[in-house]
C-alpha atoms as a PDB file:
ATOM      1  CA  MET A   1      25.903  -5.654 -24.986  1.00  0.00           C
ATOM      2  CA  THR A   2      27.033  -9.286 -24.710  1.00  0.00           C
ATOM      3  CA  GLU A   3      24.875 -12.276 -25.504  1.00  0.00           C
ATOM      4  CA  ASN A   4      24.848 -13.312 -21.836  1.00  0.00           C
ATOM      5  CA  SER A   5      23.695  -9.874 -20.687  1.00  0.00           C
ATOM      6  CA  GLN A   6      20.961  -9.914 -23.325  1.00  0.00           C
ATOM      7  CA  VAL A   7      19.749 -13.278 -22.013  1.00  0.00           C
ATOM      8  CA  THR A   8      19.826 -11.983 -18.425  1.00  0.00           C
ATOM      9  CA  ASP A   9      17.913  -8.818 -19.326  1.00  0.00           C
ATOM     10  CA  SER A  10      15.375 -10.871 -21.271  1.00  0.00           C
ATOM     11  CA  PHE A  11      14.842 -13.200 -18.312  1.00  0.00           C
ATOM     12  CA  PHE A  12      14.419 -10.299 -15.888  1.00  0.00           C
ATOM     13  CA  GLU A  13      11.944  -8.582 -18.187  1.00  0.00           C
ATOM     14  CA  ASN A  14       9.917 -11.793 -18.505  1.00  0.00           C
ATOM     15  CA  GLU A  15      10.005 -12.334 -14.749  1.00  0.00           C
ATOM     16  CA  SER A  16       8.969  -8.731 -14.129  1.00  0.00           C
ATOM     17  CA  THR A  17       6.131  -9.090 -16.604  1.00  0.00           C
ATOM     18  CA  GLN A  18       4.897 -12.193 -14.792  1.00  0.00           C
ATOM     19  CA  MET A  19       5.011 -10.423 -11.435  1.00  0.00           C
ATOM     20  CA  ALA A  20       3.279  -7.371 -12.890  1.00  0.00           C
ATOM     21  CA  PHE A  21       0.258  -9.529 -13.660  1.00  0.00           C
ATOM     22  CA  SER A  22       0.311 -11.628 -10.488  1.00  0.00           C
ATOM     23  CA  ILE A  23       1.336  -9.042  -7.886  1.00  0.00           C
ATOM     24  CA  THR A  24       0.700  -5.426  -8.859  1.00  0.00           C
ATOM     25  CA  GLY A  25      -2.944  -6.131  -9.609  1.00  0.00           C
ATOM     26  CA  SER A  26      -3.489  -7.779  -6.238  1.00  0.00           C
ATOM     27  CA  ARG A  27      -5.249  -5.643  -3.643  1.00  0.00           C
ATOM     28  CA  ALA A  28      -4.653  -8.151  -0.836  1.00  0.00           C
ATOM     29  CA  LEU A  29      -2.541  -6.774   1.995  1.00  0.00           C
ATOM     30  CA  GLY A  30      -0.680 -10.063   2.365  1.00  0.00           C
ATOM     31  CA  LEU A  31       0.954 -11.258  -0.854  1.00  0.00           C
ATOM     32  CA  SER A  32       1.723 -14.849  -1.769  1.00  0.00           C
ATOM     33  CA  SER A  33       4.086 -15.677  -4.618  1.00  0.00           C
ATOM     34  CA  ASP A  34       6.327 -18.476  -5.794  1.00  0.00           C
ATOM     35  CA  LYS A  35       9.086 -15.888  -6.239  1.00  0.00           C
ATOM     36  CA  PRO A  36      11.643 -15.179  -3.465  1.00  0.00           C
ATOM     37  CA  ALA A  37      10.412 -12.527  -1.036  1.00  0.00           C
ATOM     38  CA  GLU A  38      13.447 -10.336  -1.774  1.00  0.00           C
ATOM     39  CA  LYS A  39      12.625 -10.368  -5.493  1.00  0.00           C
ATOM     40  CA  VAL A  40       8.968  -9.496  -4.874  1.00  0.00           C
ATOM     41  CA  CYS A  41       9.991  -6.641  -2.559  1.00  0.00           C
ATOM     42  CA  GLU A  42      12.368  -5.391  -5.240  1.00  0.00           C
ATOM     43  CA  PHE A  43       9.551  -5.423  -7.777  1.00  0.00           C
ATOM     44  CA  LEU A  44       7.242  -3.544  -5.411  1.00  0.00           C
ATOM     45  CA  ALA A  45      10.020  -1.009  -4.784  1.00  0.00           C
ATOM     46  CA  HIS A  46      10.296  -0.308  -8.522  1.00  0.00           C
ATOM     47  CA  HIS A  47       6.533   0.237  -8.619  1.00  0.00           C
ATOM     48  CA  ILE A  48       6.746   2.690  -5.690  1.00  0.00           C
ATOM     49  CA  ALA A  49       9.563   4.585  -7.406  1.00  0.00           C
ATOM     50  CA  ARG A  50       7.156   5.216 -10.284  1.00  0.00           C
ATOM     51  CA  LYS A  51       4.019   5.718  -8.186  1.00  0.00           C
ATOM     52  CA  PRO A  52       4.988   6.955  -4.692  1.00  0.00           C
ATOM     53  CA  GLN A  53       1.355   7.535  -3.706  1.00  0.00           C
ATOM     54  CA  ASP A  54       0.216   3.923  -4.210  1.00  0.00           C
ATOM     55  CA  LEU A  55      -0.352   3.271  -0.514  1.00  0.00           C
ATOM     56  CA  MET A  56      -1.579  -0.283  -1.030  1.00  0.00           C
ATOM     57  CA  VAL A  57       1.776  -1.296  -2.551  1.00  0.00           C
ATOM     58  CA  HIS A  58       3.644   0.419   0.322  1.00  0.00           C
ATOM     59  CA  VAL A  59       1.670  -1.685   2.811  1.00  0.00           C
ATOM     60  CA  GLN A  60       2.200  -4.884   0.800  1.00  0.00           C
ATOM     61  CA  ARG A  61       5.952  -4.293   0.678  1.00  0.00           C
ATOM     62  CA  ILE A  62       6.201  -3.573   4.407  1.00  0.00           C
ATOM     63  CA  LYS A  63       4.143  -6.612   5.392  1.00  0.00           C
ATOM     64  CA  LEU A  64       6.177  -8.884   3.130  1.00  0.00           C
ATOM     65  CA  ALA A  65       9.430  -7.581   4.612  1.00  0.00           C
ATOM     66  CA  VAL A  66       8.085  -8.113   8.145  1.00  0.00           C
ATOM     67  CA  ASP A  67       6.864 -11.628   7.390  1.00  0.00           C
ATOM     68  CA  HIS A  68      10.290 -12.628   6.045  1.00  0.00           C
ATOM     69  CA  ASP A  69      12.449 -10.653   8.513  1.00  0.00           C
ATOM     70  CA  LEU A  70      14.069  -8.599   5.745  1.00  0.00           C
ATOM     71  CA  GLU A  71      15.444  -5.833   7.958  1.00  0.00           C
ATOM     72  CA  PRO A  72      17.281  -3.639   5.381  1.00  0.00           C
ATOM     73  CA  VAL A  73      14.314  -3.937   3.011  1.00  0.00           C
ATOM     74  CA  LEU A  74      11.883  -3.131   5.820  1.00  0.00           C
ATOM     75  CA  HIS A  75      13.841  -0.070   6.945  1.00  0.00           C
ATOM     76  CA  GLY A  76      13.849   1.279   3.401  1.00  0.00           C
ATOM     77  CA  ALA A  77      10.181   0.426   2.924  1.00  0.00           C
ATOM     78  CA  LEU A  78       9.199   2.365   6.065  1.00  0.00           C
ATOM     79  CA  LEU A  79      11.317   5.316   4.958  1.00  0.00           C
ATOM     80  CA  ASP A  80       9.603   5.291   1.574  1.00  0.00           C
ATOM     81  CA  LEU A  81       6.148   5.291   3.168  1.00  0.00           C
ATOM     82  CA  PHE A  82       7.098   8.151   5.505  1.00  0.00           C
ATOM     83  CA  ILE A  83       8.600  10.138   2.610  1.00  0.00           C
ATOM     84  CA  ALA A  84       5.573   9.564   0.372  1.00  0.00           C
ATOM     85  CA  LEU A  85       3.157  10.767   3.077  1.00  0.00           C
ATOM     86  CA  GLY A  86       5.294  13.520   4.568  1.00  0.00           C
ATOM     87  CA  PRO A  87       3.607  14.989   7.671  1.00  0.00           C
ATOM     88  CA  ARG A  88       0.266  13.484   6.677  1.00  0.00           C
ATOM     89  CA  GLY A  89      -1.235  10.050   7.171  1.00  0.00           C
ATOM     90  CA  TYR A  90      -0.232   9.593  10.809  1.00  0.00           C
ATOM     91  CA  ALA A  91      -2.608   6.661  11.372  1.00  0.00           C
ATOM     92  CA  LEU A  92      -1.108   4.579   8.580  1.00  0.00           C
ATOM     93  CA  ARG A  93       2.477   5.519   9.439  1.00  0.00           C
ATOM     94  CA  LYS A  94       1.950   4.618  13.101  1.00  0.00           C
ATOM     95  CA  CYS A  95       0.297   1.309  12.248  1.00  0.00           C
ATOM     96  CA  MET A  96       3.136   0.300   9.901  1.00  0.00           C
ATOM     97  CA  TYR A  97       5.728   1.492  12.413  1.00  0.00           C
ATOM     98  CA  ASP A  98       4.205  -0.689  15.147  1.00  0.00           C
ATOM     99  CA  LEU A  99       4.140  -3.662  12.789  1.00  0.00           C
ATOM    100  CA  ALA A 100       7.786  -3.206  11.813  1.00  0.00           C
ATOM    101  CA  SER A 101       9.174  -2.477  15.275  1.00  0.00           C
ATOM    102  CA  LYS A 102       9.520  -6.189  16.093  1.00  0.00           C
ATOM    103  CA  VAL A 103      11.975  -6.619  13.211  1.00  0.00           C
ATOM    104  CA  LEU A 104      13.954  -3.360  13.019  1.00  0.00           C
ATOM    105  CA  ASP A 105      17.021  -2.588  15.128  1.00  0.00           C
ATOM    106  CA  LYS A 106      16.914   0.026  17.892  1.00  0.00           C
ATOM    107  CA  GLU A 107      18.612   2.741  15.837  1.00  0.00           C
ATOM    108  CA  SER A 108      16.128   2.399  12.985  1.00  0.00           C
ATOM    109  CA  ILE A 109      13.188   2.305  15.389  1.00  0.00           C
ATOM    110  CA  GLN A 110      14.366   5.479  17.120  1.00  0.00           C
ATOM    111  CA  TYR A 111      14.875   7.376  13.858  1.00  0.00           C
ATOM    112  CA  LEU A 112      11.452   6.407  12.537  1.00  0.00           C
ATOM    113  CA  ALA A 113       9.839   7.176  15.901  1.00  0.00           C
ATOM    114  CA  ASP A 114      11.248  10.707  15.700  1.00  0.00           C
ATOM    115  CA  GLY A 115       9.697  11.045  12.238  1.00  0.00           C
ATOM    116  CA  LEU A 116       6.241   9.854  13.218  1.00  0.00           C
ATOM    117  CA  GLU A 117       4.924  13.288  14.179  1.00  0.00           C
ATOM    118  CA  LYS A 118       6.586  15.525  11.606  1.00  0.00           C
ATOM    119  CA  GLY A 119       7.187  13.043   8.799  1.00  0.00           C
ATOM    120  CA  ILE A 120      10.390  12.531   6.822  1.00  0.00           C
ATOM    121  CA  LYS A 121      11.492  14.339   3.674  1.00  0.00           C
ATOM    122  CA  ALA A 122      13.315  12.685   0.792  1.00  0.00           C
ATOM    123  CA  ASN A 123      16.329  14.922   1.371  1.00  0.00           C
ATOM    124  CA  ASP A 124      16.517  14.695   5.173  1.00  0.00           C
ATOM    125  CA  PRO A 125      19.965  13.528   6.373  1.00  0.00           C
ATOM    126  CA  ILE A 126      19.627   9.800   7.013  1.00  0.00           C
ATOM    127  CA  ALA A 127      22.566   7.722   8.253  1.00  0.00           C
ATOM    128  CA  GLU A 128      21.074   4.406   7.174  1.00  0.00           C
ATOM    129  CA  GLN A 129      18.702   4.331   4.227  1.00  0.00           C
ATOM    130  CA  GLY A 130      18.177   0.581   3.883  1.00  0.00           C
ATOM    131  CA  VAL A 131      16.597  -0.395   0.577  1.00  0.00           C
ATOM    132  CA  SER A 132      14.852   2.920  -0.063  1.00  0.00           C
ATOM    133  CA  VAL A 133      13.866   4.127  -3.529  1.00  0.00           C
ATOM    134  CA  LEU A 134      12.531   7.569  -2.553  1.00  0.00           C
ATOM    135  CA  CYS A 135      15.320   8.745  -0.242  1.00  0.00           C
ATOM    136  CA  ARG A 136      17.511  11.372  -1.916  1.00  0.00           C
ATOM    137  CA  SER A 137      19.543  12.539   1.062  1.00  0.00           C
ATOM    138  CA  ILE A 138      23.228  13.340   1.167  1.00  0.00           C
ATOM    139  CA  MET A 139      24.655  13.757   4.645  1.00  0.00           C
ATOM    140  CA  GLY A 140      25.010  17.445   5.415  1.00  0.00           C
ATOM    141  CA  SER A 141      23.413  18.518   2.150  1.00  0.00           C
ATOM    142  CA  ILE A 142      20.939  21.299   1.587  1.00  0.00           C
ATOM    143  CA  GLU A 143      17.504  20.424   0.275  1.00  0.00           C
ATOM    144  CA  LEU A 144      17.839  19.130  -3.271  1.00  0.00           C
ATOM    145  CA  VAL A 145      14.826  16.993  -4.083  1.00  0.00           C
ATOM    146  CA  GLU A 146      11.204  17.022  -3.012  1.00  0.00           C
ATOM    147  CA  ILE A 147       8.690  14.263  -3.610  1.00  0.00           C
ATOM    148  CA  ASP A 148       5.735  15.791  -5.418  1.00  0.00           C
ATOM    149  CA  GLN A 149       2.508  15.440  -3.459  1.00  0.00           C
ATOM    150  CA  PRO A 150      -0.582  15.522  -5.705  1.00  0.00           C
ATOM    151  CA  ALA A 151      -2.934  18.277  -4.577  1.00  0.00           C
ATOM    152  CA  ASP A 152      -5.915  15.963  -4.921  1.00  0.00           C
ATOM    153  CA  ASP A 153      -4.372  13.123  -2.894  1.00  0.00           C
ATOM    154  CA  PRO A 154      -4.630  14.110   0.786  1.00  0.00           C
ATOM    155  CA  GLY A 155      -2.657  12.071   3.281  1.00  0.00           C
ATOM    156  CA  HIS A 156      -5.726  11.285   5.335  1.00  0.00           C
ATOM    157  CA  GLY A 157      -7.828  10.042   2.433  1.00  0.00           C
ATOM    158  CA  PRO A 158     -10.489   7.336   2.851  1.00  0.00           C
ATOM    159  CA  LEU A 159      -8.330   4.606   1.301  1.00  0.00           C
ATOM    160  CA  GLU A 160      -5.450   5.323   3.647  1.00  0.00           C
ATOM    161  CA  GLN A 161      -7.742   5.413   6.680  1.00  0.00           C
ATOM    162  CA  ALA A 162      -9.311   2.117   5.651  1.00  0.00           C
ATOM    163  CA  LEU A 163      -5.890   0.500   5.187  1.00  0.00           C
ATOM    164  CA  ALA A 164      -4.828   1.651   8.640  1.00  0.00           C
ATOM    165  CA  ASN A 165      -8.055   0.238  10.139  1.00  0.00           C
ATOM    166  CA  ILE A 166      -7.536  -3.084   8.349  1.00  0.00           C
ATOM    167  CA  GLU A 167      -3.952  -3.403   9.506  1.00  0.00           C
ATOM    168  CA  CYS A 168      -5.146  -2.846  13.080  1.00  0.00           C
ATOM    169  CA  SER A 169      -7.900  -5.479  12.581  1.00  0.00           C
ATOM    170  CA  GLN A 170     -10.646  -2.823  12.714  1.00  0.00           C
ATOM    171  CA  LEU A 171     -12.574  -4.199   9.764  1.00  0.00           C
ATOM    172  CA  GLU A 172     -15.936  -2.644  10.624  1.00  0.00           C
ATOM    173  CA  ASP A 173     -14.316   0.782  10.933  1.00  0.00           C
ATOM    174  CA  ALA A 174     -12.685   0.253   7.539  1.00  0.00           C
ATOM    175  CA  GLN A 175     -16.071  -0.577   6.027  1.00  0.00           C
ATOM    176  CA  ASP A 176     -17.593   2.541   7.634  1.00  0.00           C
ATOM    177  CA  VAL A 177     -14.922   4.735   6.041  1.00  0.00           C
ATOM    178  CA  LEU A 178     -15.246   3.174   2.602  1.00  0.00           C
ATOM    179  CA  GLU A 179     -19.041   3.110   2.570  1.00  0.00           C
ATOM    180  CA  GLN A 180     -19.204   6.795   3.507  1.00  0.00           C
ATOM    181  CA  SER A 181     -16.641   7.645   0.851  1.00  0.00           C
ATOM    182  CA  VAL A 182     -18.381   5.662  -1.912  1.00  0.00           C
ATOM    183  CA  ARG A 183     -21.730   7.263  -1.040  1.00  0.00           C
ATOM    184  CA  ALA A 184     -20.196  10.740  -1.225  1.00  0.00           C
ATOM    185  CA  ASP A 185     -18.033  10.167  -4.310  1.00  0.00           C
ATOM    186  CA  ALA A 186     -18.104   6.892  -6.212  1.00  0.00           C
ATOM    187  CA  SER A 187     -15.111   7.748  -8.389  1.00  0.00           C
ATOM    188  CA  SER A 188     -12.500   5.447  -6.855  1.00  0.00           C
ATOM    189  CA  LEU A 189     -12.435   1.909  -8.224  1.00  0.00           C
ATOM    190  CA  GLU A 190      -9.738   0.976  -5.705  1.00  0.00           C
ATOM    191  CA  GLN A 191     -12.005   1.913  -2.788  1.00  0.00           C
ATOM    192  CA  GLN A 192     -14.878  -0.118  -4.184  1.00  0.00           C
ATOM    193  CA  ILE A 193     -12.660  -3.168  -4.754  1.00  0.00           C
ATOM    194  CA  LEU A 194     -11.326  -2.969  -1.207  1.00  0.00           C
ATOM    195  CA  LEU A 195     -14.857  -2.584   0.171  1.00  0.00           C
ATOM    196  CA  LEU A 196     -16.045  -5.652  -1.756  1.00  0.00           C
ATOM    197  CA  ASP A 197     -13.042  -7.586  -0.476  1.00  0.00           C
ATOM    198  CA  LEU A 198     -14.011  -6.638   3.084  1.00  0.00           C
ATOM    199  CA  TYR A 199     -17.592  -7.810   2.552  1.00  0.00           C
ATOM    200  CA  ARG A 200     -16.262 -11.151   1.377  1.00  0.00           C
ATOM    201  CA  LYS A 201     -13.742 -11.506   4.194  1.00  0.00           C
ATOM    202  CA  THR A 202     -16.257 -10.631   6.917  1.00  0.00           C
ATOM    203  CA  ASP A 203     -19.002 -12.656   5.200  1.00  0.00           C
ATOM    204  CA  ASN A 204     -21.492 -10.032   6.353  1.00  0.00           C
ATOM    205  CA  LYS A 205     -24.544 -10.504   4.138  1.00  0.00           C
ATOM    206  CA  THR A 206     -26.709  -8.086   6.123  1.00  0.00           C
ATOM    207  CA  ARG A 207     -24.227  -5.253   5.836  1.00  0.00           C
ATOM    208  CA  PHE A 208     -23.572  -5.820   2.153  1.00  0.00           C
ATOM    209  CA  SER A 209     -27.289  -6.061   1.376  1.00  0.00           C
ATOM    210  CA  ALA A 210     -28.047  -2.797   3.213  1.00  0.00           C
ATOM    211  CA  PHE A 211     -25.378  -0.892   1.309  1.00  0.00           C
ATOM    212  CA  TYR A 212     -25.982  -2.588  -2.039  1.00  0.00           C
ATOM    213  CA  SER A 213     -29.686  -1.750  -1.946  1.00  0.00           C
ATOM    214  CA  THR A 214     -28.921   1.982  -1.628  1.00  0.00           C
ATOM    215  CA  LEU A 215     -26.120   2.128  -4.203  1.00  0.00           C
ATOM    216  CA  ASP A 216     -27.146   3.498  -7.575  1.00  0.00           C
ATOM    217  CA  GLU A 217     -26.080   1.245 -10.433  1.00  0.00           C
ATOM    218  CA  GLY A 218     -24.398   4.177 -12.140  1.00  0.00           C
ATOM    219  CA  ALA A 219     -22.091   4.505  -9.135  1.00  0.00           C
ATOM    220  CA  MET A 220     -20.823   0.942  -9.538  1.00  0.00           C
ATOM    221  CA  LEU A 221     -17.509   1.338 -11.360  1.00  0.00           C
ATOM    222  CA  ASN A 222     -17.328  -2.430 -11.795  1.00  0.00           C
ATOM    223  CA  PRO A 223     -20.967  -3.592 -11.964  1.00  0.00           C
ATOM    224  CA  GLN A 224     -19.966  -7.204 -12.582  1.00  0.00           C
ATOM    225  CA  ALA A 225     -17.981  -7.324  -9.339  1.00  0.00           C
ATOM    226  CA  TRP A 226     -20.974  -5.991  -7.398  1.00  0.00           C
ATOM    227  CA  ARG A 227     -23.338  -8.491  -9.045  1.00  0.00           C
ATOM    228  CA  GLU A 228     -20.952 -11.341  -8.304  1.00  0.00           C
ATOM    229  CA  MET A 229     -20.888 -10.308  -4.647  1.00  0.00           C
ATOM    230  CA  ALA A 230     -24.693 -10.185  -4.615  1.00  0.00           C
ATOM    231  CA  ASP A 231     -24.753 -13.678  -6.122  1.00  0.00           C
ATOM    232  CA  HIS A 232     -22.274 -14.820  -3.491  1.00  0.00           C
ATOM    233  CA  PHE A 233     -24.729 -13.768  -0.785  1.00  0.00           C
ATOM    234  CA  GLY A 234     -27.762 -15.022  -2.710  1.00  0.00           C
ATOM    235  CA  ILE A 235     -29.230 -11.563  -3.220  1.00  0.00           C
ATOM    236  CA  GLU A 236     -31.360 -10.950  -6.285  1.00  0.00           C
ATOM    237  CA  GLY A 237     -31.725  -7.705  -8.202  1.00  0.00           C
END
């Protein structure tokens, strides 16, 4: 390896490390960064290649590509979401499809529209893959690769439903889904973080207070975050 390539690799690793702290940990649907949008999308794509079921990162990547009119990136990002969900998660796939349709060309829109109902497999023949990291197709090939779908990660899970509601500006519906899920099974930190973020965004003290008063402290996976939200609304106890 040459000295120049070592310097380049070192720079990329440092840049990736910086983005790992500033971007991957963000649960906001709309990302802001001082890095070029293409570079951020590339970073998110690498994350999806490692964790195909991280739906929040899929949504972040798609929204960023839409906001910056990155058509090849957007086409690949939609393909990756469809592949990760397979035939499941129609609400989220449809919401992201509608969001992206104003940027994608007619051929891409038609292909993705055909895949809305049945989903898309990683090895399905695809003429144009865009910047996809999950697509494994070879034109005319037999099935070679399948994306593993965790048995305990259903496509219509509460987090996915909430994300779809949020993207369609149905914030109260998203809160309904997350509150019901947390009451039934308070094992998802990601759901609790998203729910707290919704309370803050909607500035709904009454709703937060009603839920907070019924939530057992042992169910709070991040007690400090819940206390800080209570302080934000001026709620004691």
